[in-house]
Amino acid sequence: MDRIDFKICSELQNNARLSNKELAAIVGLAPSSCHERYKKLCSDGVITGFHATIDPTKLGVGLEAMVHVRLVKHARAEVDSFFEHIHQLSETIAYYHITGEFDYLVHVGVRDANHLRDLALDAFTTREEVAQIQTSLVFTAKTKPQRPCFIGFS
């Protein structure tokens, strides 16, 4: 990867809807050259997909929370089982397998406090691999575009 490839990635992170012609003009390439680089970045797995940013309140999400989860033990079967479980929950926004006092951090979106309570009781504390949960409400959530740190290429 060179500085142009990094620039292509950076511009697409800021606006994934750029046309090839617009992207080529920004990075200083002919459209055909830009498209070839784009295809290579995709085939090499550098560009892995695109997404739409959705307003969760428009989908009925009135409350977001972070659920900190401590597992009973750290055997692969329990870790994999819990990972699959939280991946399947419709309320899960994002989840992280972390180090420290807790093993997982699960970002959830729910309708209201009653929905959060039911989710905690039904989807977390009933799991045999879960030893403890701690929930923190999210007051403000802003998503920053993914910005890998490319030293020397900013």
Protein backbone atom coordinates (compact mmCIF):
# COMPACT_ATOMS: atom_id res chain seq x y z
CA MET A 1 0.00 0.00 0.00
CA ASP A 2 1.19 3.48 -0.80
CA ARG A 3 -0.06 6.95 0.11
CA ILE A 4 -2.67 6.88 -2.67
CA ASP A 5 -4.14 3.60 -1.39
CA PHE A 6 -4.30 5.10 2.11
CA LYS A 7 -5.97 8.21 0.69
CA ILE A 8 -8.56 6.08 -1.13
CA CYS A 9 -9.35 4.25 2.11
CA SER A 10 -9.53 7.49 4.07
CA GLU A 11 -11.87 9.15 1.58
CA LEU A 12 -14.16 6.11 1.43
CA GLN A 13 -14.31 6.02 5.23
CA ASN A 14 -15.52 9.62 5.18
CA ASN A 15 -18.01 9.05 2.36
CA ALA A 16 -18.57 5.54 1.03
CA ARG A 17 -21.00 6.92 -1.57
CA LEU A 18 -18.31 8.69 -3.60
CA SER A 19 -18.44 7.75 -7.26
CA ASN A 20 -15.28 6.39 -8.80
CA LYS A 21 -14.97 9.61 -10.82
CA GLU A 22 -15.22 11.76 -7.67
CA LEU A 23 -12.77 9.54 -5.78
CA ALA A 24 -10.29 9.61 -8.66
CA ALA A 25 -10.38 13.42 -8.75
CA ILE A 26 -9.77 13.65 -5.00
CA VAL A 27 -6.80 11.27 -4.99
CA GLY A 28 -5.35 12.58 -8.27
CA LEU A 29 -5.73 9.51 -10.48
CA ALA A 30 -7.43 8.71 -13.75
CA PRO A 31 -10.79 7.00 -13.06
CA SER A 32 -9.57 3.73 -14.60
CA SER A 33 -6.47 3.67 -12.37
CA CYS A 34 -8.52 4.55 -9.32
CA HIS A 35 -10.99 1.75 -10.07
CA GLU A 36 -8.17 -0.78 -10.43
CA ARG A 37 -6.72 0.26 -7.06
CA TYR A 38 -10.19 0.09 -5.50
CA LYS A 39 -10.74 -3.44 -6.85
CA LYS A 40 -7.32 -4.53 -5.52
CA LEU A 41 -8.06 -3.04 -2.08
CA CYS A 42 -11.30 -5.04 -2.03
CA SER A 43 -9.74 -8.29 -3.27
CA ASP A 44 -6.87 -7.96 -0.76
CA GLY A 45 -9.38 -7.59 2.08
CA VAL A 46 -8.37 -4.03 2.96
CA ILE A 47 -11.85 -2.74 2.12
CA THR A 48 -14.22 -5.19 3.75
CA GLY A 49 -17.60 -3.54 3.25
CA PHE A 50 -19.75 -0.47 3.48
CA HIS A 51 -22.54 0.50 5.84
CA ALA A 52 -25.38 2.92 6.31
CA THR A 53 -25.61 5.00 9.46
CA ILE A 54 -29.08 4.64 10.96
CA ASP A 55 -30.78 6.83 13.59
CA PRO A 56 -31.67 4.28 16.31
CA THR A 57 -34.54 6.41 17.65
CA LYS A 58 -36.30 6.01 14.28
CA LEU A 59 -36.23 2.24 14.91
CA GLY A 60 -37.76 2.51 18.38
CA VAL A 61 -34.53 2.47 20.37
CA GLY A 62 -35.10 4.85 23.27
CA LEU A 63 -32.24 3.74 25.49
CA GLU A 64 -28.73 2.42 24.96
CA ALA A 65 -26.56 0.70 27.54
CA MET A 66 -23.22 -1.01 27.98
CA VAL A 67 -23.47 -4.41 29.62
CA HIS A 68 -20.21 -5.52 31.25
CA VAL A 69 -20.13 -9.32 31.50
CA ARG A 70 -17.88 -11.56 33.60
CA LEU A 71 -17.86 -15.23 32.59
CA VAL A 72 -17.77 -18.11 35.08
CA LYS A 73 -14.72 -19.57 33.36
CA HIS A 74 -12.64 -18.84 30.31
CA ALA A 75 -12.75 -22.17 28.53
CA ARG A 76 -13.09 -21.89 24.76
CA ALA A 77 -16.50 -23.60 24.74
CA GLU A 78 -17.98 -21.03 27.14
CA VAL A 79 -16.37 -18.07 25.41
CA ASP A 80 -17.52 -19.26 21.97
CA SER A 81 -21.02 -20.04 23.25
CA PHE A 82 -21.45 -16.61 24.81
CA PHE A 83 -20.00 -14.89 21.75
CA GLU A 84 -22.52 -16.65 19.50
CA HIS A 85 -25.36 -15.81 21.91
CA ILE A 86 -24.70 -12.07 21.99
CA HIS A 87 -24.14 -12.03 18.24
CA GLN A 88 -27.69 -13.36 17.76
CA LEU A 89 -29.42 -10.86 20.08
CA SER A 90 -31.40 -8.30 18.10
CA GLU A 91 -30.64 -5.66 20.75
CA THR A 92 -26.86 -6.00 20.31
CA ILE A 93 -25.28 -3.00 18.60
CA ALA A 94 -21.63 -4.00 19.15
CA TYR A 95 -19.68 -6.32 21.40
CA TYR A 96 -16.11 -6.68 22.52
CA HIS A 97 -14.14 -9.50 24.14
CA ILE A 98 -11.91 -7.53 26.49
CA THR A 99 -9.31 -7.84 29.22
CA GLY A 100 -9.64 -6.58 32.76
CA GLU A 101 -12.31 -7.01 35.40
CA PHE A 102 -14.94 -8.06 32.86
CA ASP A 103 -14.67 -10.37 29.88
CA TYR A 104 -17.17 -8.78 27.49
CA LEU A 105 -18.57 -5.35 26.85
CA VAL A 106 -21.89 -5.48 25.01
CA HIS A 107 -23.47 -2.31 23.61
CA VAL A 108 -27.24 -2.76 23.45
CA GLY A 109 -30.17 -0.71 22.21
CA VAL A 110 -33.60 -1.18 23.81
CA ARG A 111 -37.00 0.52 23.84
CA ASP A 112 -36.94 1.59 27.48
CA ALA A 113 -35.82 0.69 31.02
CA ASN A 114 -38.27 -2.22 31.25
CA HIS A 115 -36.88 -3.69 28.04
CA LEU A 116 -33.34 -3.31 29.41
CA ARG A 117 -34.31 -5.06 32.66
CA ASP A 118 -35.93 -7.93 30.74
CA LEU A 119 -32.91 -8.23 28.45
CA ALA A 120 -30.54 -8.35 31.44
CA LEU A 121 -32.63 -11.00 33.19
CA ASP A 122 -33.54 -13.12 30.18
CA ALA A 123 -30.53 -12.83 27.87
CA PHE A 124 -27.62 -12.42 30.27
CA THR A 125 -28.15 -13.62 33.84
CA THR A 126 -29.88 -16.84 32.77
CA ARG A 127 -26.81 -17.95 30.80
CA GLU A 128 -24.83 -20.56 32.72
CA GLU A 129 -21.52 -19.19 31.45
CA VAL A 130 -22.27 -15.74 32.95
CA ALA A 131 -21.04 -15.05 36.49
CA GLN A 132 -21.88 -11.34 36.76
CA ILE A 133 -23.15 -8.39 34.77
CA GLN A 134 -22.96 -4.67 35.36
CA THR A 135 -24.98 -2.25 33.26
CA SER A 136 -24.15 1.37 32.43
CA LEU A 137 -26.62 3.65 30.66
CA VAL A 138 -25.41 5.57 27.63
CA PHE A 139 -26.33 9.25 27.84
CA THR A 140 -24.85 10.26 24.47
CA ALA A 141 -23.66 8.05 21.64
CA LYS A 142 -21.71 9.34 18.67
CA THR A 143 -20.04 7.05 16.18
CA LYS A 144 -16.76 8.24 14.80
CA PRO A 145 -15.88 6.88 11.36
CA GLN A 146 -13.29 4.14 11.51
CA ARG A 147 -9.95 5.85 11.32
CA PRO A 148 -6.98 3.50 11.45
CA CYS A 149 -3.79 5.22 12.45
CA PHE A 150 -1.51 5.26 9.45
CA ILE A 151 1.76 6.67 10.68
CA GLY A 152 3.38 8.73 7.98
CA PHE A 153 0.36 8.66 5.69
CA SER A 154 -1.96 11.22 7.26
